[in-house]
């Protein structure tokens, strides 16, 4: 969606740690290719994400315009990061389906799903969002314990 009087020349998707954007890769090269002011973006991004947990990976969409200006939208953290944070895991399984990286309860899945809904996850309701999060957990090699219907009871 271009601004009136501005010609859009590209859209850049990046994942950057909150409050920690620097001119180094991936930010510098991606913005440099479009002729954008890298430091101006870094300052604006860091300011926009200062209320978030420092270092938390966030997805950002940057619209570049022909006059070398830009707009950006912060889209929240990936589900995999929120799952790993919730259960205190460094990384998922190297062989999902064969080796388990850990386990997560349906209560924890509900918590992650509610966070993703706040970030704009398109789901009909919390239960559908929980199924999406559960699928991500399984693909990371994380075992789900308990049953979904008893999520409130543990």
C-alpha atoms as a PDB file:
ATOM      1  CA  UNK A   1       0.000   0.000   0.000  1.00  0.00           C
ATOM      2  CA  UNK A   2       1.851   3.040  -1.304  1.00  0.00           C
ATOM      3  CA  UNK A   3       1.544   6.455   0.209  1.00  0.00           C
ATOM      4  CA  UNK A   4      -0.001   9.155  -1.989  1.00  0.00           C
ATOM      5  CA  UNK A   5       2.681  10.746  -4.156  1.00  0.00           C
ATOM      6  CA  UNK A   6       5.268   8.067  -3.387  1.00  0.00           C
ATOM      7  CA  UNK A   7       6.354   5.240  -5.620  1.00  0.00           C
ATOM      8  CA  UNK A   8       6.999   1.946  -3.859  1.00  0.00           C
ATOM      9  CA  UNK A   9      10.244   0.316  -5.066  1.00  0.00           C
ATOM     10  CA  UNK A  10      10.301  -2.756  -2.866  1.00  0.00           C
ATOM     11  CA  UNK A  11       9.298  -4.642   0.239  1.00  0.00           C
ATOM     12  CA  UNK A  12      11.865  -6.180   2.588  1.00  0.00           C
ATOM     13  CA  UNK A  13      11.121  -8.815   5.236  1.00  0.00           C
ATOM     14  CA  UNK A  14      13.670  -9.249   8.019  1.00  0.00           C
ATOM     15  CA  UNK A  15      13.947 -10.813  11.454  1.00  0.00           C
ATOM     16  CA  UNK A  16      15.865  -8.548  13.825  1.00  0.00           C
ATOM     17  CA  UNK A  17      16.479  -8.699  17.601  1.00  0.00           C
ATOM     18  CA  UNK A  18      14.244  -6.157  19.393  1.00  0.00           C
ATOM     19  CA  UNK A  19      16.095  -2.980  20.329  1.00  0.00           C
ATOM     20  CA  UNK A  20      19.288  -4.235  18.671  1.00  0.00           C
ATOM     21  CA  UNK A  21      19.162  -3.233  14.996  1.00  0.00           C
ATOM     22  CA  UNK A  22      22.646  -2.395  13.676  1.00  0.00           C
ATOM     23  CA  UNK A  23      23.992  -1.604  10.194  1.00  0.00           C
ATOM     24  CA  UNK A  24      25.598  -5.061  10.053  1.00  0.00           C
ATOM     25  CA  UNK A  25      23.920  -7.934   8.162  1.00  0.00           C
ATOM     26  CA  UNK A  26      21.072  -8.600   7.631  1.00  0.00           C
ATOM     27  CA  UNK A  27      19.911  -4.975   8.024  1.00  0.00           C
ATOM     28  CA  UNK A  28      22.690  -3.074   6.226  1.00  0.00           C
ATOM     29  CA  UNK A  29      22.876  -5.054   2.981  1.00  0.00           C
ATOM     30  CA  UNK A  30      19.075  -5.392   2.659  1.00  0.00           C
ATOM     31  CA  UNK A  31      18.416  -1.672   3.111  1.00  0.00           C
ATOM     32  CA  UNK A  32      21.543  -0.611   1.212  1.00  0.00           C
ATOM     33  CA  UNK A  33      20.334  -2.387  -1.927  1.00  0.00           C
ATOM     34  CA  UNK A  34      17.276  -0.137  -1.926  1.00  0.00           C
ATOM     35  CA  UNK A  35      19.295   3.008  -1.171  1.00  0.00           C
ATOM     36  CA  UNK A  36      17.695   3.578   2.237  1.00  0.00           C
ATOM     37  CA  UNK A  37      19.303   5.364   5.178  1.00  0.00           C
ATOM     38  CA  UNK A  38      20.413   2.422   7.312  1.00  0.00           C
ATOM     39  CA  UNK A  39      21.124   4.366  10.509  1.00  0.00           C
ATOM     40  CA  UNK A  40      17.786   6.161  10.301  1.00  0.00           C
ATOM     41  CA  UNK A  41      16.016   2.781  10.101  1.00  0.00           C
ATOM     42  CA  UNK A  42      18.093   1.334  12.976  1.00  0.00           C
ATOM     43  CA  UNK A  43      17.214   4.273  15.237  1.00  0.00           C
ATOM     44  CA  UNK A  44      13.507   4.130  14.325  1.00  0.00           C
ATOM     45  CA  UNK A  45      13.329   0.335  14.747  1.00  0.00           C
ATOM     46  CA  UNK A  46      15.174   0.352  18.079  1.00  0.00           C
ATOM     47  CA  UNK A  47      12.885   3.114  19.315  1.00  0.00           C
ATOM     48  CA  UNK A  48       9.771   1.212  18.187  1.00  0.00           C
ATOM     49  CA  UNK A  49      10.896  -2.002  19.910  1.00  0.00           C
ATOM     50  CA  UNK A  50      12.350  -0.532  23.100  1.00  0.00           C
ATOM     51  CA  UNK A  51       9.359  -1.725  25.161  1.00  0.00           C
ATOM     52  CA  UNK A  52       9.945  -5.340  24.059  1.00  0.00           C
ATOM     53  CA  UNK A  53      12.338  -7.789  25.659  1.00  0.00           C
ATOM     54  CA  UNK A  54      15.796  -6.816  24.377  1.00  0.00           C
ATOM     55  CA  UNK A  55      17.197  -9.342  21.919  1.00  0.00           C
ATOM     56  CA  UNK A  56      13.844 -11.078  21.279  1.00  0.00           C
ATOM     57  CA  UNK A  57      13.660 -11.812  17.541  1.00  0.00           C
ATOM     58  CA  UNK A  58      10.905  -9.844  15.820  1.00  0.00           C
ATOM     59  CA  UNK A  59       9.748  -9.943  12.219  1.00  0.00           C
ATOM     60  CA  UNK A  60       9.601  -6.613  10.421  1.00  0.00           C
ATOM     61  CA  UNK A  61       8.246  -5.622   7.010  1.00  0.00           C
ATOM     62  CA  UNK A  62       9.884  -2.579   5.403  1.00  0.00           C
ATOM     63  CA  UNK A  63       8.353  -0.734   2.460  1.00  0.00           C
ATOM     64  CA  UNK A  64      10.955   1.215   0.443  1.00  0.00           C
ATOM     65  CA  UNK A  65       9.991   4.247  -1.649  1.00  0.00           C
ATOM     66  CA  UNK A  66      11.732   5.834  -4.652  1.00  0.00           C
ATOM     67  CA  UNK A  67      12.536   9.014  -2.669  1.00  0.00           C
ATOM     68  CA  UNK A  68      14.688   6.836  -0.346  1.00  0.00           C
ATOM     69  CA  UNK A  69      12.170   6.965   2.510  1.00  0.00           C
ATOM     70  CA  UNK A  70      10.601   3.924   4.146  1.00  0.00           C
ATOM     71  CA  UNK A  71       7.807   2.680   6.371  1.00  0.00           C
ATOM     72  CA  UNK A  72       8.009  -0.403   8.532  1.00  0.00           C
ATOM     73  CA  UNK A  73       5.669  -2.658  10.478  1.00  0.00           C
ATOM     74  CA  UNK A  74       6.821  -4.754  13.447  1.00  0.00           C
ATOM     75  CA  UNK A  75       5.033  -8.109  13.286  1.00  0.00           C
ATOM     76  CA  UNK A  76       5.998  -9.889  16.499  1.00  0.00           C
ATOM     77  CA  UNK A  77       8.089 -12.945  17.313  1.00  0.00           C
ATOM     78  CA  UNK A  78       8.058 -16.317  15.556  1.00  0.00           C
ATOM     79  CA  UNK A  79       6.022 -19.092  17.223  1.00  0.00           C
ATOM     80  CA  UNK A  80       9.155 -21.241  17.553  1.00  0.00           C
ATOM     81  CA  UNK A  81      10.865 -18.560  19.666  1.00  0.00           C
ATOM     82  CA  UNK A  82       7.841 -18.186  21.963  1.00  0.00           C
ATOM     83  CA  UNK A  83       7.621 -21.974  22.415  1.00  0.00           C
ATOM     84  CA  UNK A  84      11.334 -22.283  23.235  1.00  0.00           C
ATOM     85  CA  UNK A  85      11.081 -19.345  25.658  1.00  0.00           C
ATOM     86  CA  UNK A  86       8.003 -20.834  27.363  1.00  0.00           C
ATOM     87  CA  UNK A  87       9.662 -24.190  28.077  1.00  0.00           C
ATOM     88  CA  UNK A  88      13.237 -22.917  28.536  1.00  0.00           C
ATOM     89  CA  UNK A  89      14.668 -24.701  25.507  1.00  0.00           C
ATOM     90  CA  UNK A  90      17.747 -23.569  23.580  1.00  0.00           C
ATOM     91  CA  UNK A  91      16.702 -25.168  20.284  1.00  0.00           C
ATOM     92  CA  UNK A  92      14.341 -27.747  18.791  1.00  0.00           C
ATOM     93  CA  UNK A  93      15.169 -31.363  17.967  1.00  0.00           C
ATOM     94  CA  UNK A  94      17.650 -32.080  15.176  1.00  0.00           C
ATOM     95  CA  UNK A  95      15.468 -35.073  14.212  1.00  0.00           C
ATOM     96  CA  UNK A  96      11.792 -34.253  14.934  1.00  0.00           C
ATOM     97  CA  UNK A  97       9.659 -37.391  15.102  1.00  0.00           C
ATOM     98  CA  UNK A  98      12.620 -39.525  16.161  1.00  0.00           C
ATOM     99  CA  UNK A  99      14.154 -37.601  19.054  1.00  0.00           C
ATOM    100  CA  UNK A 100      12.348 -35.341  21.483  1.00  0.00           C
ATOM    101  CA  UNK A 101      13.703 -31.916  22.345  1.00  0.00           C
ATOM    102  CA  UNK A 102      11.436 -31.534  25.371  1.00  0.00           C
ATOM    103  CA  UNK A 103       7.787 -31.308  26.303  1.00  0.00           C
ATOM    104  CA  UNK A 104       5.115 -28.633  26.565  1.00  0.00           C
ATOM    105  CA  UNK A 105       1.721 -28.657  28.269  1.00  0.00           C
ATOM    106  CA  UNK A 106      -1.554 -27.498  26.735  1.00  0.00           C
ATOM    107  CA  UNK A 107      -1.603 -24.628  29.280  1.00  0.00           C
ATOM    108  CA  UNK A 108       1.739 -23.447  27.924  1.00  0.00           C
ATOM    109  CA  UNK A 109       0.457 -23.814  24.355  1.00  0.00           C
ATOM    110  CA  UNK A 110      -2.592 -21.691  25.290  1.00  0.00           C
ATOM    111  CA  UNK A 111      -0.288 -18.990  26.686  1.00  0.00           C
ATOM    112  CA  UNK A 112       1.782 -18.905  23.461  1.00  0.00           C
ATOM    113  CA  UNK A 113      -1.397 -18.931  21.327  1.00  0.00           C
ATOM    114  CA  UNK A 114      -2.834 -15.956  23.226  1.00  0.00           C
ATOM    115  CA  UNK A 115       0.413 -14.038  22.679  1.00  0.00           C
ATOM    116  CA  UNK A 116       0.367 -14.834  18.944  1.00  0.00           C
ATOM    117  CA  UNK A 117      -3.267 -13.681  18.670  1.00  0.00           C
ATOM    118  CA  UNK A 118      -2.197 -10.321  20.151  1.00  0.00           C
ATOM    119  CA  UNK A 119       0.518 -10.188  17.457  1.00  0.00           C
ATOM    120  CA  UNK A 120      -2.043 -10.755  14.703  1.00  0.00           C
ATOM    121  CA  UNK A 121      -2.176 -14.533  14.178  1.00  0.00           C
ATOM    122  CA  UNK A 122      -5.172 -15.203  11.950  1.00  0.00           C
ATOM    123  CA  UNK A 123      -7.230 -17.781  13.805  1.00  0.00           C
ATOM    124  CA  UNK A 124     -10.979 -18.033  14.497  1.00  0.00           C
ATOM    125  CA  UNK A 125     -10.478 -18.486  18.228  1.00  0.00           C
ATOM    126  CA  UNK A 126      -7.934 -19.476  20.877  1.00  0.00           C
ATOM    127  CA  UNK A 127      -8.510 -23.205  20.254  1.00  0.00           C
ATOM    128  CA  UNK A 128      -7.605 -22.872  16.571  1.00  0.00           C
ATOM    129  CA  UNK A 129      -4.555 -20.785  17.499  1.00  0.00           C
ATOM    130  CA  UNK A 130      -3.573 -23.535  19.976  1.00  0.00           C
ATOM    131  CA  UNK A 131      -3.707 -26.112  17.160  1.00  0.00           C
ATOM    132  CA  UNK A 132      -1.384 -23.926  15.058  1.00  0.00           C
ATOM    133  CA  UNK A 133       1.066 -23.563  17.967  1.00  0.00           C
ATOM    134  CA  UNK A 134       0.837 -27.310  18.717  1.00  0.00           C
ATOM    135  CA  UNK A 135       1.731 -28.086  15.099  1.00  0.00           C
ATOM    136  CA  UNK A 136       4.790 -25.871  15.350  1.00  0.00           C
ATOM    137  CA  UNK A 137       5.810 -27.560  18.606  1.00  0.00           C
ATOM    138  CA  UNK A 138       5.491 -31.017  17.028  1.00  0.00           C
ATOM    139  CA  UNK A 139       7.557 -29.949  14.019  1.00  0.00           C
ATOM    140  CA  UNK A 140      10.274 -28.823  16.453  1.00  0.00           C
ATOM    141  CA  UNK A 141      10.317 -32.270  18.063  1.00  0.00           C
ATOM    142  CA  UNK A 142       8.545 -31.134  21.233  1.00  0.00           C
ATOM    143  CA  UNK A 143       6.164 -33.595  22.884  1.00  0.00           C
ATOM    144  CA  UNK A 144       2.772 -32.269  24.019  1.00  0.00           C
ATOM    145  CA  UNK A 145       1.630 -33.565  27.406  1.00  0.00           C
ATOM    146  CA  UNK A 146      -1.896 -33.755  28.814  1.00  0.00           C
ATOM    147  CA  UNK A 147      -5.003 -33.205  26.715  1.00  0.00           C
ATOM    148  CA  UNK A 148      -6.315 -30.077  25.085  1.00  0.00           C
ATOM    149  CA  UNK A 149      -9.750 -30.227  26.716  1.00  0.00           C
ATOM    150  CA  UNK A 150      -8.212 -30.275  30.170  1.00  0.00           C
ATOM    151  CA  UNK A 151      -5.953 -27.315  29.456  1.00  0.00           C
ATOM    152  CA  UNK A 152      -7.478 -25.191  32.214  1.00  0.00           C
ATOM    153  CA  UNK A 153      -7.074 -27.982  34.776  1.00  0.00           C
ATOM    154  CA  UNK A 154      -3.490 -28.817  33.835  1.00  0.00           C
END
